[in-house]
N, C-alpha and C. Protein backbone atom coordinates (compact mmCIF):
# COMPACT_ATOMS: atom_id res chain seq x y z
N MET A 1 46.76 -62.26 -134.34
CA MET A 1 47.87 -61.49 -133.78
C MET A 1 49.09 -62.28 -133.96
N SER A 2 50.29 -61.54 -134.22
CA SER A 2 51.62 -62.14 -134.58
C SER A 2 52.29 -62.74 -133.28
N LYS A 3 53.10 -63.72 -133.56
CA LYS A 3 53.78 -64.43 -132.56
C LYS A 3 54.75 -63.54 -131.67
N ALA A 4 55.16 -62.53 -132.15
CA ALA A 4 55.98 -61.60 -131.51
C ALA A 4 55.26 -60.86 -130.51
N ILE A 5 54.00 -60.36 -130.90
CA ILE A 5 53.07 -59.75 -129.94
C ILE A 5 52.56 -60.41 -128.84
N GLN A 6 52.26 -61.78 -129.29
CA GLN A 6 51.83 -62.67 -128.09
C GLN A 6 52.98 -62.82 -127.10
N ILE A 7 54.21 -63.04 -127.45
CA ILE A 7 55.27 -63.32 -126.52
C ILE A 7 55.48 -61.94 -125.65
N GLN A 8 55.42 -60.67 -126.39
CA GLN A 8 55.61 -59.58 -125.51
C GLN A 8 54.50 -59.29 -124.58
N SER A 9 53.35 -59.67 -124.87
CA SER A 9 52.09 -59.49 -123.92
C SER A 9 52.30 -60.38 -122.72
N LYS A 10 52.94 -61.62 -122.81
CA LYS A 10 53.06 -62.50 -121.78
C LYS A 10 54.13 -62.22 -120.90
N GLU A 11 55.12 -61.41 -121.53
CA GLU A 11 56.15 -60.95 -120.70
C GLU A 11 55.76 -60.01 -119.50
N LYS A 12 56.43 -60.16 -118.41
CA LYS A 12 56.20 -59.27 -117.35
C LYS A 12 56.91 -57.80 -117.62
N LEU A 13 56.03 -56.88 -117.57
CA LEU A 13 56.52 -55.35 -117.93
C LEU A 13 57.21 -55.02 -116.51
N VAL A 14 58.46 -54.38 -116.77
CA VAL A 14 59.27 -53.99 -115.53
C VAL A 14 59.10 -52.45 -115.65
N HIS A 15 58.76 -51.91 -114.55
CA HIS A 15 58.78 -50.37 -114.36
C HIS A 15 60.00 -49.80 -113.94
N SER A 16 60.36 -48.75 -114.52
CA SER A 16 61.72 -48.21 -114.11
C SER A 16 61.39 -46.69 -113.71
N PRO A 17 62.03 -46.25 -112.65
CA PRO A 17 61.92 -44.98 -112.28
C PRO A 17 62.17 -43.90 -113.43
N THR A 18 61.56 -42.72 -113.47
CA THR A 18 61.97 -41.70 -114.41
C THR A 18 63.10 -41.00 -114.14
N LEU A 19 63.87 -40.35 -114.87
CA LEU A 19 64.92 -39.53 -114.55
C LEU A 19 64.57 -38.30 -113.45
N ASN A 20 63.56 -37.83 -113.68
CA ASN A 20 62.97 -36.80 -112.67
C ASN A 20 62.85 -37.28 -111.30
N THR A 21 62.37 -38.54 -111.27
CA THR A 21 62.26 -39.23 -109.89
C THR A 21 63.70 -39.37 -109.33
N VAL A 22 64.58 -39.91 -110.00
CA VAL A 22 66.02 -40.15 -109.31
C VAL A 22 66.60 -38.88 -109.17
N LEU A 23 66.53 -37.89 -109.93
CA LEU A 23 66.98 -36.42 -109.66
C LEU A 23 66.38 -35.94 -108.45
N MET A 24 65.12 -36.00 -108.19
CA MET A 24 64.49 -35.49 -106.95
C MET A 24 65.00 -36.21 -105.76
N ILE A 25 64.99 -37.54 -105.89
CA ILE A 25 65.57 -38.22 -104.66
C ILE A 25 66.95 -37.90 -104.24
N GLU A 26 67.78 -37.81 -105.28
CA GLU A 26 69.26 -37.35 -105.23
C GLU A 26 69.19 -35.96 -104.55
N GLU A 27 68.54 -34.90 -105.01
CA GLU A 27 68.57 -33.68 -104.45
C GLU A 27 68.31 -33.61 -103.12
N VAL A 28 67.13 -34.34 -102.63
CA VAL A 28 66.89 -34.35 -101.27
C VAL A 28 67.87 -34.96 -100.30
N LEU A 29 68.36 -36.02 -100.85
CA LEU A 29 69.49 -36.53 -100.09
C LEU A 29 70.70 -35.82 -99.83
N LYS A 30 71.05 -35.01 -100.96
CA LYS A 30 72.35 -34.01 -101.06
C LYS A 30 72.12 -33.13 -99.87
N ASN A 31 70.96 -32.60 -99.87
CA ASN A 31 70.60 -31.44 -99.11
C ASN A 31 70.35 -31.77 -97.67
N ILE A 32 70.05 -32.84 -97.27
CA ILE A 32 69.86 -33.32 -95.87
C ILE A 32 71.25 -33.36 -95.09
N GLY A 33 72.22 -34.02 -95.70
CA GLY A 33 73.57 -33.96 -95.33
C GLY A 33 73.67 -34.91 -94.06
N GLU A 34 73.01 -35.76 -93.76
CA GLU A 34 72.94 -36.66 -92.56
C GLU A 34 72.20 -37.80 -92.82
N VAL A 35 72.37 -39.01 -91.79
CA VAL A 35 71.78 -40.15 -91.99
C VAL A 35 70.23 -39.83 -91.74
N ILE A 36 69.45 -40.39 -92.71
CA ILE A 36 68.04 -40.35 -92.72
C ILE A 36 67.30 -41.66 -92.94
N THR A 37 66.20 -42.10 -92.16
CA THR A 37 65.44 -43.23 -92.36
C THR A 37 64.63 -43.18 -93.75
N ILE A 38 64.52 -44.26 -94.26
CA ILE A 38 63.72 -44.27 -95.71
C ILE A 38 62.31 -43.69 -95.37
N ALA A 39 61.83 -44.02 -94.10
CA ALA A 39 60.41 -43.25 -94.14
C ALA A 39 60.47 -41.87 -93.97
N GLU A 40 61.42 -41.18 -93.33
CA GLU A 40 61.68 -39.88 -93.34
C GLU A 40 61.91 -39.30 -94.61
N LEU A 41 62.78 -40.04 -95.35
CA LEU A 41 63.01 -39.59 -96.61
C LEU A 41 61.81 -39.51 -97.61
N LYS A 42 60.94 -40.45 -97.41
CA LYS A 42 59.52 -40.53 -98.08
C LYS A 42 58.60 -39.20 -97.70
N ARG A 43 58.81 -38.94 -96.51
CA ARG A 43 58.03 -37.56 -95.99
C ARG A 43 58.66 -36.26 -96.61
N ARG A 44 60.04 -36.39 -96.80
CA ARG A 44 60.57 -35.15 -97.19
C ARG A 44 60.58 -34.92 -98.71
N LEU A 45 60.20 -35.81 -99.49
CA LEU A 45 60.13 -35.80 -100.80
C LEU A 45 59.02 -34.80 -101.43
N PRO A 46 59.27 -34.06 -102.27
CA PRO A 46 58.12 -32.90 -102.71
C PRO A 46 57.05 -33.56 -103.20
N LYS A 47 57.20 -34.84 -104.04
CA LYS A 47 56.23 -35.52 -104.46
C LYS A 47 56.13 -36.95 -103.96
N LYS A 48 55.02 -37.55 -103.98
CA LYS A 48 54.82 -39.12 -103.50
C LYS A 48 55.67 -40.02 -104.43
N VAL A 49 56.34 -40.96 -103.84
CA VAL A 49 56.85 -41.92 -104.57
C VAL A 49 56.51 -43.25 -104.06
N MET A 50 56.27 -44.26 -104.93
CA MET A 50 55.82 -45.43 -104.48
C MET A 50 57.04 -46.11 -103.79
N HIS A 51 56.76 -47.00 -102.77
CA HIS A 51 57.86 -47.50 -102.01
C HIS A 51 58.90 -48.43 -102.93
N ARG A 52 58.34 -49.15 -103.85
CA ARG A 52 59.09 -49.99 -104.64
C ARG A 52 60.03 -49.09 -105.58
N THR A 53 59.57 -48.04 -106.11
CA THR A 53 60.26 -47.17 -106.98
C THR A 53 61.36 -46.58 -106.11
N LEU A 54 61.08 -46.07 -104.87
CA LEU A 54 62.02 -45.46 -103.91
C LEU A 54 63.28 -46.43 -103.69
N ILE A 55 62.96 -47.81 -103.46
CA ILE A 55 63.76 -48.84 -103.13
C ILE A 55 64.82 -48.77 -104.49
N GLN A 56 64.13 -48.95 -105.70
CA GLN A 56 64.99 -49.23 -106.92
C GLN A 56 66.00 -47.91 -107.14
N VAL A 57 65.43 -46.80 -106.68
CA VAL A 57 66.26 -45.63 -106.93
C VAL A 57 67.53 -45.65 -105.94
N LEU A 58 67.10 -46.10 -104.81
CA LEU A 58 68.14 -46.11 -103.68
C LEU A 58 69.05 -47.17 -104.01
N ASP A 59 68.81 -48.45 -104.52
CA ASP A 59 69.62 -49.31 -105.04
C ASP A 59 70.57 -48.98 -106.05
N TYR A 60 70.18 -48.25 -107.09
CA TYR A 60 70.81 -47.64 -108.09
C TYR A 60 71.86 -46.62 -107.52
N LEU A 61 71.37 -45.69 -106.67
CA LEU A 61 72.30 -44.82 -105.94
C LEU A 61 73.43 -45.33 -105.26
N GLN A 62 73.22 -46.47 -104.43
CA GLN A 62 74.28 -47.25 -103.94
C GLN A 62 75.24 -47.96 -104.66
N LEU A 63 74.82 -48.54 -105.75
CA LEU A 63 75.64 -49.18 -106.83
C LEU A 63 76.56 -48.12 -107.28
N SER A 64 76.02 -46.95 -107.61
CA SER A 64 76.79 -45.90 -108.30
C SER A 64 77.73 -45.11 -107.30
N GLY A 65 77.63 -45.56 -105.96
CA GLY A 65 78.53 -44.93 -105.13
C GLY A 65 78.17 -43.71 -104.45
N LYS A 66 76.94 -43.30 -104.67
CA LYS A 66 76.26 -41.93 -104.11
C LYS A 66 75.88 -41.85 -102.81
N ILE A 67 75.45 -43.21 -102.37
CA ILE A 67 74.81 -43.27 -101.18
C ILE A 67 75.41 -44.35 -100.35
N ILE A 68 75.23 -44.52 -99.04
CA ILE A 68 75.46 -45.77 -98.23
C ILE A 68 74.15 -45.89 -97.54
N ILE A 69 73.62 -47.27 -97.51
CA ILE A 69 72.45 -47.58 -96.89
C ILE A 69 72.90 -48.58 -95.75
N GLY A 70 72.62 -48.17 -94.53
CA GLY A 70 72.95 -48.91 -93.43
C GLY A 70 71.93 -49.15 -92.61
N THR A 71 71.97 -49.75 -91.32
CA THR A 71 70.99 -50.14 -90.33
C THR A 71 69.96 -49.11 -89.87
N LYS A 72 70.80 -47.86 -89.82
CA LYS A 72 70.05 -46.58 -89.24
C LYS A 72 69.69 -45.78 -90.36
N GLY A 73 69.88 -45.99 -91.64
CA GLY A 73 69.21 -45.25 -92.71
C GLY A 73 70.21 -44.96 -93.69
N VAL A 74 70.05 -43.84 -94.61
CA VAL A 74 70.56 -43.80 -95.85
C VAL A 74 71.45 -42.34 -95.67
N LEU A 75 72.58 -42.42 -96.24
CA LEU A 75 73.64 -41.09 -96.14
C LEU A 75 74.11 -40.91 -97.46
N TRP A 76 74.12 -39.56 -97.96
CA TRP A 76 74.63 -39.22 -99.17
C TRP A 76 76.07 -39.14 -98.97
N VAL A 77 76.93 -39.52 -99.82
CA VAL A 77 78.47 -39.65 -99.68
C VAL A 77 79.30 -39.26 -100.83
N PHE A 78 78.48 -39.06 -101.99
CA PHE A 78 79.18 -38.62 -103.29
C PHE A 78 79.78 -37.08 -103.12
N THR A 79 80.79 -36.95 -103.42
CA THR A 79 81.41 -35.57 -103.65
C THR A 79 81.76 -35.16 -105.02
N GLU A 80 81.13 -34.20 -105.56
CA GLU A 80 81.17 -33.46 -106.83
C GLU A 80 82.63 -33.21 -106.96
N ARG A 81 83.00 -33.26 -108.25
CA ARG A 81 84.58 -33.08 -108.64
C ARG A 81 84.94 -31.63 -108.28
N LYS A 82 83.99 -30.50 -108.40
CA LYS A 82 84.43 -29.24 -107.97
C LYS A 82 84.54 -29.04 -106.42
N GLU A 83 83.87 -29.75 -105.73
CA GLU A 83 84.01 -29.76 -104.21
C GLU A 83 85.44 -30.48 -103.87
N LEU A 84 85.72 -31.49 -104.57
CA LEU A 84 86.95 -32.29 -104.41
C LEU A 84 88.09 -31.47 -104.62
N GLU A 85 88.06 -30.58 -105.83
CA GLU A 85 89.11 -29.90 -106.22
C GLU A 85 89.28 -28.80 -105.32
N GLY A 86 88.39 -28.37 -104.66
CA GLY A 86 88.47 -27.19 -103.55
C GLY A 86 89.15 -27.82 -102.30
N MET A 87 88.75 -29.02 -102.03
CA MET A 87 89.25 -29.79 -100.90
C MET A 87 90.90 -30.00 -101.07
N ILE A 88 91.37 -30.45 -102.30
CA ILE A 88 92.65 -30.70 -102.69
C ILE A 88 93.40 -29.37 -102.64
N LYS A 89 92.82 -28.32 -103.08
CA LYS A 89 93.56 -27.03 -102.94
C LYS A 89 93.83 -26.57 -101.57
N ARG A 90 92.63 -26.94 -100.78
CA ARG A 90 92.94 -26.51 -99.26
C ARG A 90 93.86 -27.38 -98.46
N GLY A 91 94.07 -28.39 -99.16
CA GLY A 91 94.82 -29.53 -98.56
C GLY A 91 94.19 -30.32 -97.61
N THR A 92 92.91 -30.52 -97.82
CA THR A 92 91.89 -31.36 -96.78
C THR A 92 92.18 -32.86 -97.24
N GLU A 93 92.53 -33.62 -96.12
CA GLU A 93 92.94 -35.00 -96.21
C GLU A 93 91.75 -35.74 -96.21
N LEU A 94 91.55 -36.56 -97.17
CA LEU A 94 90.33 -37.59 -97.34
C LEU A 94 90.63 -38.91 -96.66
């Protein structure tokens, strides 16, 4: 066995959520429109997601400014550009 293969086999493989999983969680959070607990979010997802995977996705969404995670749960806060443009045209103050 080559040295490179030995090193790779000893390294800890890190699992990353698939894009489909991230998009599924985003869609559910967008449609809820209110604060939701992580446990309730897990129940509302159309497919089962491992807890660690869900936490990874939520961390990513928080870092990207799409959600806020607080003591009472998770809230979708991201506004898509087309919605923002409509608010600007109507004179909605942010």
